[in-house]
Amino acid sequence: MKELIDFIQGNPDKRELKRALAVQMVMESYTHSQITEILHVSLGFVNKWKYIFVEQGVAGLKLKYQGSRGYLDSKQKQTVIEWLKQKDY
């Protein structure tokens, strides 16, 4: 439970926070209907993240998408930045 509370307190992403809060509320014996009303989520949302938390712990609540890889290498990025700095807006 401490790991979950630490995750909630240090988490800026609202999607991960909502998942963690739903799990915390389940663990604190809130009813599913209370959780859905307070967090404005579906019953399926609560059940899904409770199950994932039981299986994977806090790591399961984190977002998996890390973004795509950029097309430019570091030298190309620097060239673009220098070009933009020279523009007169």
PDB file of N, CA and C in Angstrom:
ATOM      1  N   MET A   1       0.831  -1.197   0.000  1.00  0.00           N
ATOM      2  CA  MET A   1       0.000   0.000   0.000  1.00  0.00           C
ATOM      3  C   MET A   1       0.873   1.257   0.000  1.00  0.00           C
ATOM      4  N   LYS A   2       2.017   1.216   0.697  1.00  0.00           N
ATOM      5  CA  LYS A   2       2.899   2.376   0.743  1.00  0.00           C
ATOM      6  C   LYS A   2       3.419   2.730  -0.646  1.00  0.00           C
ATOM      7  N   GLU A   3       3.759   1.700  -1.418  1.00  0.00           N
ATOM      8  CA  GLU A   3       4.253   1.936  -2.779  1.00  0.00           C
ATOM      9  C   GLU A   3       3.183   2.629  -3.626  1.00  0.00           C
ATOM     10  N   LEU A   4       1.943   2.232  -3.462  1.00  0.00           N
ATOM     11  CA  LEU A   4       0.833   2.850  -4.198  1.00  0.00           C
ATOM     12  C   LEU A   4       0.657   4.308  -3.777  1.00  0.00           C
ATOM     13  N   ILE A   5       0.727   4.586  -2.494  1.00  0.00           N
ATOM     14  CA  ILE A   5       0.576   5.963  -1.997  1.00  0.00           C
ATOM     15  C   ILE A   5       1.721   6.839  -2.499  1.00  0.00           C
ATOM     16  N   ASP A   6       2.946   6.309  -2.472  1.00  0.00           N
ATOM     17  CA  ASP A   6       4.095   7.056  -2.996  1.00  0.00           C
ATOM     18  C   ASP A   6       3.914   7.366  -4.478  1.00  0.00           C
ATOM     19  N   PHE A   7       3.389   6.396  -5.221  1.00  0.00           N
ATOM     20  CA  PHE A   7       3.133   6.579  -6.654  1.00  0.00           C
ATOM     21  C   PHE A   7       2.107   7.689  -6.867  1.00  0.00           C
ATOM     22  N   ILE A   8       1.059   7.691  -6.080  1.00  0.00           N
ATOM     23  CA  ILE A   8       0.001   8.707  -6.200  1.00  0.00           C
ATOM     24  C   ILE A   8       0.554  10.094  -5.887  1.00  0.00           C
ATOM     25  N   GLN A   9       1.336  10.211  -4.836  1.00  0.00           N
ATOM     26  CA  GLN A   9       1.858  11.512  -4.422  1.00  0.00           C
ATOM     27  C   GLN A   9       2.893  12.064  -5.387  1.00  0.00           C
ATOM     28  N   GLY A  10       3.608  11.211  -6.089  1.00  0.00           N
ATOM     29  CA  GLY A  10       4.663  11.683  -6.976  1.00  0.00           C
ATOM     30  C   GLY A  10       4.323  11.619  -8.440  1.00  0.00           C
ATOM     31  N   ASN A  11       3.046  11.475  -8.764  1.00  0.00           N
ATOM     32  CA  ASN A  11       2.676  11.243 -10.151  1.00  0.00           C
ATOM     33  C   ASN A  11       1.969  12.439 -10.785  1.00  0.00           C
ATOM     34  N   PRO A  12       2.588  13.048 -11.797  1.00  0.00           N
ATOM     35  CA  PRO A  12       1.962  14.195 -12.447  1.00  0.00           C
ATOM     36  C   PRO A  12       0.960  13.829 -13.545  1.00  0.00           C
ATOM     37  N   ASP A  13       1.000  12.614 -14.088  1.00  0.00           N
ATOM     38  CA  ASP A  13       0.125  12.247 -15.202  1.00  0.00           C
ATOM     39  C   ASP A  13      -1.269  11.896 -14.680  1.00  0.00           C
ATOM     40  N   LYS A  14      -2.275  12.603 -15.168  1.00  0.00           N
ATOM     41  CA  LYS A  14      -3.622  12.425 -14.635  1.00  0.00           C
ATOM     42  C   LYS A  14      -4.213  11.055 -14.952  1.00  0.00           C
ATOM     43  N   ARG A  15      -3.810  10.438 -16.060  1.00  0.00           N
ATOM     44  CA  ARG A  15      -4.339   9.111 -16.395  1.00  0.00           C
ATOM     45  C   ARG A  15      -3.818   8.056 -15.423  1.00  0.00           C
ATOM     46  N   GLU A  16      -2.532   8.119 -15.124  1.00  0.00           N
ATOM     47  CA  GLU A  16      -1.959   7.180 -14.163  1.00  0.00           C
ATOM     48  C   GLU A  16      -2.512   7.445 -12.763  1.00  0.00           C
ATOM     49  N   LEU A  17      -2.700   8.701 -12.442  1.00  0.00           N
ATOM     50  CA  LEU A  17      -3.229   9.070 -11.137  1.00  0.00           C
ATOM     51  C   LEU A  17      -4.637   8.521 -10.939  1.00  0.00           C
ATOM     52  N   LYS A  18      -5.472   8.626 -11.958  1.00  0.00           N
ATOM     53  CA  LYS A  18      -6.845   8.135 -11.857  1.00  0.00           C
ATOM     54  C   LYS A  18      -6.858   6.619 -11.667  1.00  0.00           C
ATOM     55  N   ARG A  19      -5.978   5.920 -12.358  1.00  0.00           N
ATOM     56  CA  ARG A  19      -5.876   4.467 -12.198  1.00  0.00           C
ATOM     57  C   ARG A  19      -5.498   4.122 -10.762  1.00  0.00           C
ATOM     58  N   ALA A  20      -4.477   4.806 -10.260  1.00  0.00           N
ATOM     59  CA  ALA A  20      -3.978   4.530  -8.916  1.00  0.00           C
ATOM     60  C   ALA A  20      -5.021   4.871  -7.851  1.00  0.00           C
ATOM     61  N   LEU A  21      -5.721   5.964  -8.035  1.00  0.00           N
ATOM     62  CA  LEU A  21      -6.755   6.346  -7.072  1.00  0.00           C
ATOM     63  C   LEU A  21      -7.885   5.323  -7.043  1.00  0.00           C
ATOM     64  N   ALA A  22      -8.253   4.813  -8.200  1.00  0.00           N
ATOM     65  CA  ALA A  22      -9.301   3.789  -8.252  1.00  0.00           C
ATOM     66  C   ALA A  22      -8.870   2.557  -7.468  1.00  0.00           C
ATOM     67  N   VAL A  23      -7.635   2.135  -7.654  1.00  0.00           N
ATOM     68  CA  VAL A  23      -7.113   0.970  -6.929  1.00  0.00           C
ATOM     69  C   VAL A  23      -7.059   1.252  -5.434  1.00  0.00           C
ATOM     70  N   GLN A  24      -6.579   2.424  -5.061  1.00  0.00           N
ATOM     71  CA  GLN A  24      -6.488   2.778  -3.645  1.00  0.00           C
ATOM     72  C   GLN A  24      -7.875   2.762  -2.997  1.00  0.00           C
ATOM     73  N   MET A  25      -8.856   3.294  -3.702  1.00  0.00           N
ATOM     74  CA  MET A  25     -10.204   3.344  -3.145  1.00  0.00           C
ATOM     75  C   MET A  25     -10.788   1.941  -2.981  1.00  0.00           C
ATOM     76  N   VAL A  26     -10.484   1.032  -3.917  1.00  0.00           N
ATOM     77  CA  VAL A  26     -10.925  -0.357  -3.775  1.00  0.00           C
ATOM     78  C   VAL A  26     -10.308  -0.960  -2.518  1.00  0.00           C
ATOM     79  N   MET A  27      -9.026  -0.709  -2.331  1.00  0.00           N
ATOM     80  CA  MET A  27      -8.309  -1.260  -1.175  1.00  0.00           C
ATOM     81  C   MET A  27      -8.808  -0.655   0.140  1.00  0.00           C
ATOM     82  N   GLU A  28      -9.374   0.536   0.081  1.00  0.00           N
ATOM     83  CA  GLU A  28      -9.922   1.187   1.276  1.00  0.00           C
ATOM     84  C   GLU A  28     -11.404   0.890   1.459  1.00  0.00           C
ATOM     85  N   SER A  29     -11.910  -0.105   0.733  1.00  0.00           N
ATOM     86  CA  SER A  29     -13.282  -0.620   0.870  1.00  0.00           C
ATOM     87  C   SER A  29     -14.378   0.324   0.397  1.00  0.00           C
ATOM     88  N   TYR A  30     -14.055   1.236  -0.523  1.00  0.00           N
ATOM     89  CA  TYR A  30     -15.120   1.995  -1.176  1.00  0.00           C
ATOM     90  C   TYR A  30     -15.879   1.032  -2.074  1.00  0.00           C
ATOM     91  N   THR A  31     -17.159   1.263  -2.250  1.00  0.00           N
ATOM     92  CA  THR A  31     -17.912   0.427  -3.180  1.00  0.00           C
ATOM     93  C   THR A  31     -17.577   0.850  -4.602  1.00  0.00           C
ATOM     94  N   HIS A  32     -17.780  -0.052  -5.537  1.00  0.00           N
ATOM     95  CA  HIS A  32     -17.496   0.270  -6.931  1.00  0.00           C
ATOM     96  C   HIS A  32     -18.363   1.425  -7.415  1.00  0.00           C
ATOM     97  N   SER A  33     -19.593   1.482  -6.951  1.00  0.00           N
ATOM     98  CA  SER A  33     -20.463   2.583  -7.377  1.00  0.00           C
ATOM     99  C   SER A  33     -19.973   3.927  -6.825  1.00  0.00           C
ATOM    100  N   GLN A  34     -19.441   3.932  -5.609  1.00  0.00           N
ATOM    101  CA  GLN A  34     -18.876   5.162  -5.060  1.00  0.00           C
ATOM    102  C   GLN A  34     -17.669   5.616  -5.883  1.00  0.00           C
ATOM    103  N   ILE A  35     -16.815   4.674  -6.240  1.00  0.00           N
ATOM    104  CA  ILE A  35     -15.610   4.996  -7.009  1.00  0.00           C
ATOM    105  C   ILE A  35     -15.980   5.548  -8.378  1.00  0.00           C
ATOM    106  N   THR A  36     -16.926   4.904  -9.042  1.00  0.00           N
ATOM    107  CA  THR A  36     -17.315   5.379 -10.380  1.00  0.00           C
ATOM    108  C   THR A  36     -17.917   6.775 -10.315  1.00  0.00           C
ATOM    109  N   GLU A  37     -18.653   7.063  -9.262  1.00  0.00           N
ATOM    110  CA  GLU A  37     -19.260   8.383  -9.114  1.00  0.00           C
ATOM    111  C   GLU A  37     -18.218   9.449  -8.782  1.00  0.00           C
ATOM    112  N   ILE A  38     -17.293   9.145  -7.891  1.00  0.00           N
ATOM    113  CA  ILE A  38     -16.281  10.122  -7.466  1.00  0.00           C
ATOM    114  C   ILE A  38     -15.285  10.423  -8.578  1.00  0.00           C
ATOM    115  N   LEU A  39     -14.791   9.368  -9.255  1.00  0.00           N
ATOM    116  CA  LEU A  39     -13.757   9.549 -10.274  1.00  0.00           C
ATOM    117  C   LEU A  39     -14.310   9.728 -11.687  1.00  0.00           C
ATOM    118  N   HIS A  40     -15.623   9.569 -11.836  1.00  0.00           N
ATOM    119  CA  HIS A  40     -16.269   9.683 -13.157  1.00  0.00           C
ATOM    120  C   HIS A  40     -15.662   8.686 -14.147  1.00  0.00           C
ATOM    121  N   VAL A  41     -15.615   7.428 -13.712  1.00  0.00           N
ATOM    122  CA  VAL A  41     -15.108   6.341 -14.549  1.00  0.00           C
ATOM    123  C   VAL A  41     -16.150   5.237 -14.584  1.00  0.00           C
ATOM    124  N   SER A  42     -15.933   4.269 -15.467  1.00  0.00           N
ATOM    125  CA  SER A  42     -16.872   3.153 -15.579  1.00  0.00           C
ATOM    126  C   SER A  42     -16.517   2.049 -14.592  1.00  0.00           C
ATOM    127  N   LEU A  43     -17.460   1.152 -14.381  1.00  0.00           N
ATOM    128  CA  LEU A  43     -17.228   0.001 -13.534  1.00  0.00           C
ATOM    129  C   LEU A  43     -16.120  -0.872 -14.122  1.00  0.00           C
ATOM    130  N   GLY A  44     -16.110  -0.993 -15.445  1.00  0.00           N
ATOM    131  CA  GLY A  44     -15.067  -1.763 -16.123  1.00  0.00           C
ATOM    132  C   GLY A  44     -13.681  -1.187 -15.886  1.00  0.00           C
ATOM    133  N   PHE A  45     -13.575   0.133 -15.837  1.00  0.00           N
ATOM    134  CA  PHE A  45     -12.301   0.802 -15.563  1.00  0.00           C
ATOM    135  C   PHE A  45     -11.775   0.386 -14.197  1.00  0.00           C
ATOM    136  N   VAL A  46     -12.633   0.420 -13.207  1.00  0.00           N
ATOM    137  CA  VAL A  46     -12.232   0.071 -11.840  1.00  0.00           C
ATOM    138  C   VAL A  46     -11.760  -1.375 -11.792  1.00  0.00           C
ATOM    139  N   ASN A  47     -12.543  -2.282 -12.370  1.00  0.00           N
ATOM    140  CA  ASN A  47     -12.195  -3.699 -12.347  1.00  0.00           C
ATOM    141  C   ASN A  47     -10.901  -3.983 -13.107  1.00  0.00           C
ATOM    142  N   LYS A  48     -10.743  -3.336 -14.254  1.00  0.00           N
ATOM    143  CA  LYS A  48      -9.555  -3.556 -15.075  1.00  0.00           C
ATOM    144  C   LYS A  48      -8.285  -3.179 -14.317  1.00  0.00           C
ATOM    145  N   TRP A  49      -8.251  -1.992 -13.730  1.00  0.00           N
ATOM    146  CA  TRP A  49      -7.036  -1.520 -13.075  1.00  0.00           C
ATOM    147  C   TRP A  49      -6.803  -2.200 -11.738  1.00  0.00           C
ATOM    148  N   LYS A  50      -7.862  -2.632 -11.079  1.00  0.00           N
ATOM    149  CA  LYS A  50      -7.695  -3.427  -9.857  1.00  0.00           C
ATOM    150  C   LYS A  50      -7.010  -4.756 -10.203  1.00  0.00           C
ATOM    151  N   TYR A  51      -7.478  -5.395 -11.256  1.00  0.00           N
ATOM    152  CA  TYR A  51      -6.902  -6.674 -11.689  1.00  0.00           C
ATOM    153  C   TYR A  51      -5.439  -6.506 -12.109  1.00  0.00           C
ATOM    154  N   ILE A  52      -5.160  -5.482 -12.897  1.00  0.00           N
ATOM    155  CA  ILE A  52      -3.789  -5.229 -13.355  1.00  0.00           C
ATOM    156  C   ILE A  52      -2.873  -4.949 -12.169  1.00  0.00           C
ATOM    157  N   PHE A  53      -3.359  -4.192 -11.193  1.00  0.00           N
ATOM    158  CA  PHE A  53      -2.554  -3.898 -10.011  1.00  0.00           C
ATOM    159  C   PHE A  53      -2.241  -5.174  -9.234  1.00  0.00           C
ATOM    160  N   VAL A  54      -3.208  -6.039  -9.089  1.00  0.00           N
ATOM    161  CA  VAL A  54      -2.988  -7.302  -8.374  1.00  0.00           C
ATOM    162  C   VAL A  54      -1.943  -8.141  -9.097  1.00  0.00           C
ATOM    163  N   GLU A  55      -1.997  -8.157 -10.434  1.00  0.00           N
ATOM    164  CA  GLU A  55      -1.078  -8.964 -11.232  1.00  0.00           C
ATOM    165  C   GLU A  55       0.321  -8.355 -11.345  1.00  0.00           C
ATOM    166  N   GLN A  56       0.404  -7.018 -11.535  1.00  0.00           N
ATOM    167  CA  GLN A  56       1.675  -6.385 -11.886  1.00  0.00           C
ATOM    168  C   GLN A  56       2.172  -5.352 -10.878  1.00  0.00           C
ATOM    169  N   GLY A  57       1.361  -4.984  -9.934  1.00  0.00           N
ATOM    170  CA  GLY A  57       1.751  -3.960  -8.976  1.00  0.00           C
ATOM    171  C   GLY A  57       1.677  -2.566  -9.590  1.00  0.00           C
ATOM    172  N   VAL A  58       2.384  -1.631  -8.992  1.00  0.00           N
ATOM    173  CA  VAL A  58       2.366  -0.235  -9.433  1.00  0.00           C
ATOM    174  C   VAL A  58       2.849  -0.100 -10.873  1.00  0.00           C
ATOM    175  N   ALA A  59       3.783  -0.926 -11.286  1.00  0.00           N
ATOM    176  CA  ALA A  59       4.312  -0.849 -12.656  1.00  0.00           C
ATOM    177  C   ALA A  59       3.207  -1.042 -13.696  1.00  0.00           C
ATOM    178  N   GLY A  60       2.197  -1.815 -13.362  1.00  0.00           N
ATOM    179  CA  GLY A  60       1.092  -2.043 -14.281  1.00  0.00           C
ATOM    180  C   GLY A  60       0.209  -0.826 -14.482  1.00  0.00           C
ATOM    181  N   LEU A  61       0.263   0.129 -13.562  1.00  0.00           N
ATOM    182  CA  LEU A  61      -0.566   1.336 -13.666  1.00  0.00           C
ATOM    183  C   LEU A  61       0.064   2.406 -14.555  1.00  0.00           C
ATOM    184  N   LYS A  62       1.327   2.244 -14.856  1.00  0.00           N
ATOM    185  CA  LYS A  62       2.045   3.257 -15.639  1.00  0.00           C
ATOM    186  C   LYS A  62       1.705   3.150 -17.113  1.00  0.00           C
ATOM    187  N   LEU A  63       1.788   4.293 -17.793  1.00  0.00           N
ATOM    188  CA  LEU A  63       1.549   4.337 -19.226  1.00  0.00           C
ATOM    189  C   LEU A  63       2.636   3.546 -19.938  1.00  0.00           C
ATOM    190  N   LYS A  64       2.252   2.827 -20.960  1.00  0.00           N
ATOM    191  CA  LYS A  64       3.211   2.006 -21.690  1.00  0.00           C
ATOM    192  C   LYS A  64       3.787   2.730 -22.909  1.00  0.00           C
ATOM    193  N   TYR A  65       3.032   3.658 -23.466  1.00  0.00           N
ATOM    194  CA  TYR A  65       3.468   4.326 -24.691  1.00  0.00           C
ATOM    195  C   TYR A  65       4.596   5.305 -24.374  1.00  0.00           C
ATOM    196  N   GLN A  66       5.698   5.189 -25.081  1.00  0.00           N
ATOM    197  CA  GLN A  66       6.858   6.039 -24.843  1.00  0.00           C
ATOM    198  C   GLN A  66       7.118   7.022 -25.984  1.00  0.00           C
ATOM    199  N   GLY A  67       6.224   7.073 -26.935  1.00  0.00           N
ATOM    200  CA  GLY A  67       6.414   7.981 -28.062  1.00  0.00           C
ATOM    201  C   GLY A  67       7.214   7.326 -29.184  1.00  0.00           C
ATOM    202  N   SER A  68       7.251   7.971 -30.303  1.00  0.00           N
ATOM    203  CA  SER A  68       7.993   7.413 -31.426  1.00  0.00           C
ATOM    204  C   SER A  68       9.389   8.020 -31.491  1.00  0.00           C
ATOM    205  N   ARG A  69      10.249   7.375 -32.230  1.00  0.00           N
ATOM    206  CA  ARG A  69      11.618   7.838 -32.378  1.00  0.00           C
ATOM    207  C   ARG A  69      11.647   8.989 -33.384  1.00  0.00           C
ATOM    208  N   GLY A  70      12.424  10.008 -33.099  1.00  0.00           N
ATOM    209  CA  GLY A  70      12.516  11.166 -33.985  1.00  0.00           C
ATOM    210  C   GLY A  70      13.201  10.823 -35.299  1.00  0.00           C
ATOM    211  N   TYR A  71      12.955  11.635 -36.316  1.00  0.00           N
ATOM    212  CA  TYR A  71      13.531  11.404 -37.635  1.00  0.00           C
ATOM    213  C   TYR A  71      14.910  12.038 -37.795  1.00  0.00           C
ATOM    214  N   LEU A  72      15.186  13.060 -37.004  1.00  0.00           N
ATOM    215  CA  LEU A  72      16.434  13.794 -37.155  1.00  0.00           C
ATOM    216  C   LEU A  72      17.481  13.299 -36.160  1.00  0.00           C
ATOM    217  N   ASP A  73      18.728  13.274 -36.606  1.00  0.00           N
ATOM    218  CA  ASP A  73      19.797  12.969 -35.650  1.00  0.00           C
ATOM    219  C   ASP A  73      20.160  14.267 -34.921  1.00  0.00           C
ATOM    220  N   SER A  74      21.073  14.206 -33.969  1.00  0.00           N
ATOM    221  CA  SER A  74      21.371  15.380 -33.148  1.00  0.00           C
ATOM    222  C   SER A  74      21.956  16.535 -33.958  1.00  0.00           C
ATOM    223  N   LYS A  75      22.765  16.237 -34.970  1.00  0.00           N
ATOM    224  CA  LYS A  75      23.342  17.299 -35.799  1.00  0.00           C
ATOM    225  C   LYS A  75      22.257  18.002 -36.611  1.00  0.00           C
ATOM    226  N   GLN A  76      21.328  17.238 -37.154  1.00  0.00           N
ATOM    227  CA  GLN A  76      20.228  17.819 -37.921  1.00  0.00           C
ATOM    228  C   GLN A  76      19.328  18.671 -37.022  1.00  0.00           C
ATOM    229  N   LYS A  77      19.064  18.209 -35.818  1.00  0.00           N
ATOM    230  CA  LYS A  77      18.255  18.987 -34.874  1.00  0.00           C
ATOM    231  C   LYS A  77      18.918  20.327 -34.573  1.00  0.00           C
ATOM    232  N   GLN A  78      20.225  20.294 -34.338  1.00  0.00           N
ATOM    233  CA  GLN A  78      20.957  21.510 -34.039  1.00  0.00           C
ATOM    234  C   GLN A  78      20.915  22.478 -35.217  1.00  0.00           C
ATOM    235  N   THR A  79      21.019  21.955 -36.447  1.00  0.00           N
ATOM    236  CA  THR A  79      20.943  22.788 -37.648  1.00  0.00           C
ATOM    237  C   THR A  79      19.587  23.476 -37.738  1.00  0.00           C
ATOM    238  N   VAL A  80      18.532  22.746 -37.472  1.00  0.00           N
ATOM    239  CA  VAL A  80      17.181  23.314 -37.509  1.00  0.00           C
ATOM    240  C   VAL A  80      17.029  24.393 -36.437  1.00  0.00           C
ATOM    241  N   ILE A  81      17.532  24.132 -35.236  1.00  0.00           N
ATOM    242  CA  ILE A  81      17.443  25.114 -34.146  1.00  0.00           C
ATOM    243  C   ILE A  81      18.178  26.397 -34.515  1.00  0.00           C
ATOM    244  N   GLU A  82      19.366  26.265 -35.059  1.00  0.00           N
ATOM    245  CA  GLU A  82      20.131  27.445 -35.472  1.00  0.00           C
ATOM    246  C   GLU A  82      19.398  28.211 -36.570  1.00  0.00           C
ATOM    247  N   TRP A  83      18.821  27.512 -37.518  1.00  0.00           N
ATOM    248  CA  TRP A  83      18.067  28.141 -38.606  1.00  0.00           C
ATOM    249  C   TRP A  83      16.877  28.915 -38.038  1.00  0.00           C
ATOM    250  N   LEU A  84      16.154  28.304 -37.073  1.00  0.00           N
ATOM    251  CA  LEU A  84      14.997  28.967 -36.469  1.00  0.00           C
ATOM    252  C   LEU A  84      15.409  30.219 -35.689  1.00  0.00           C
ATOM    253  N   LYS A  85      16.547  30.175 -35.031  1.00  0.00           N
ATOM    254  CA  LYS A  85      17.020  31.327 -34.265  1.00  0.00           C
ATOM    255  C   LYS A  85      17.335  32.523 -35.183  1.00  0.00           C
ATOM    256  N   GLN A  86      17.702  32.251 -36.417  1.00  0.00           N
ATOM    257  CA  GLN A  86      18.044  33.325 -37.355  1.00  0.00           C
ATOM    258  C   GLN A  86      16.811  33.975 -37.975  1.00  0.00           C
ATOM    259  N   LYS A  87      15.664  33.322 -37.868  1.00  0.00           N
ATOM    260  CA  LYS A  87      14.442  33.851 -38.470  1.00  0.00           C
ATOM    261  C   LYS A  87      13.962  35.071 -37.709  1.00  0.00           C
ATOM    262  N   ASP A  88      13.415  36.018 -38.457  1.00  0.00           N
ATOM    263  CA  ASP A  88      12.884  37.232 -37.858  1.00  0.00           C
ATOM    264  C   ASP A  88      11.354  37.108 -37.797  1.00  0.00           C
ATOM    265  N   TYR A  89      10.820  36.906 -36.632  1.00  0.00           N
ATOM    266  CA  TYR A  89       9.374  36.747 -36.485  1.00  0.00           C
ATOM    267  C   TYR A  89       8.768  38.100 -36.194  1.00  0.00           C
TER     268      TYR A  89
END
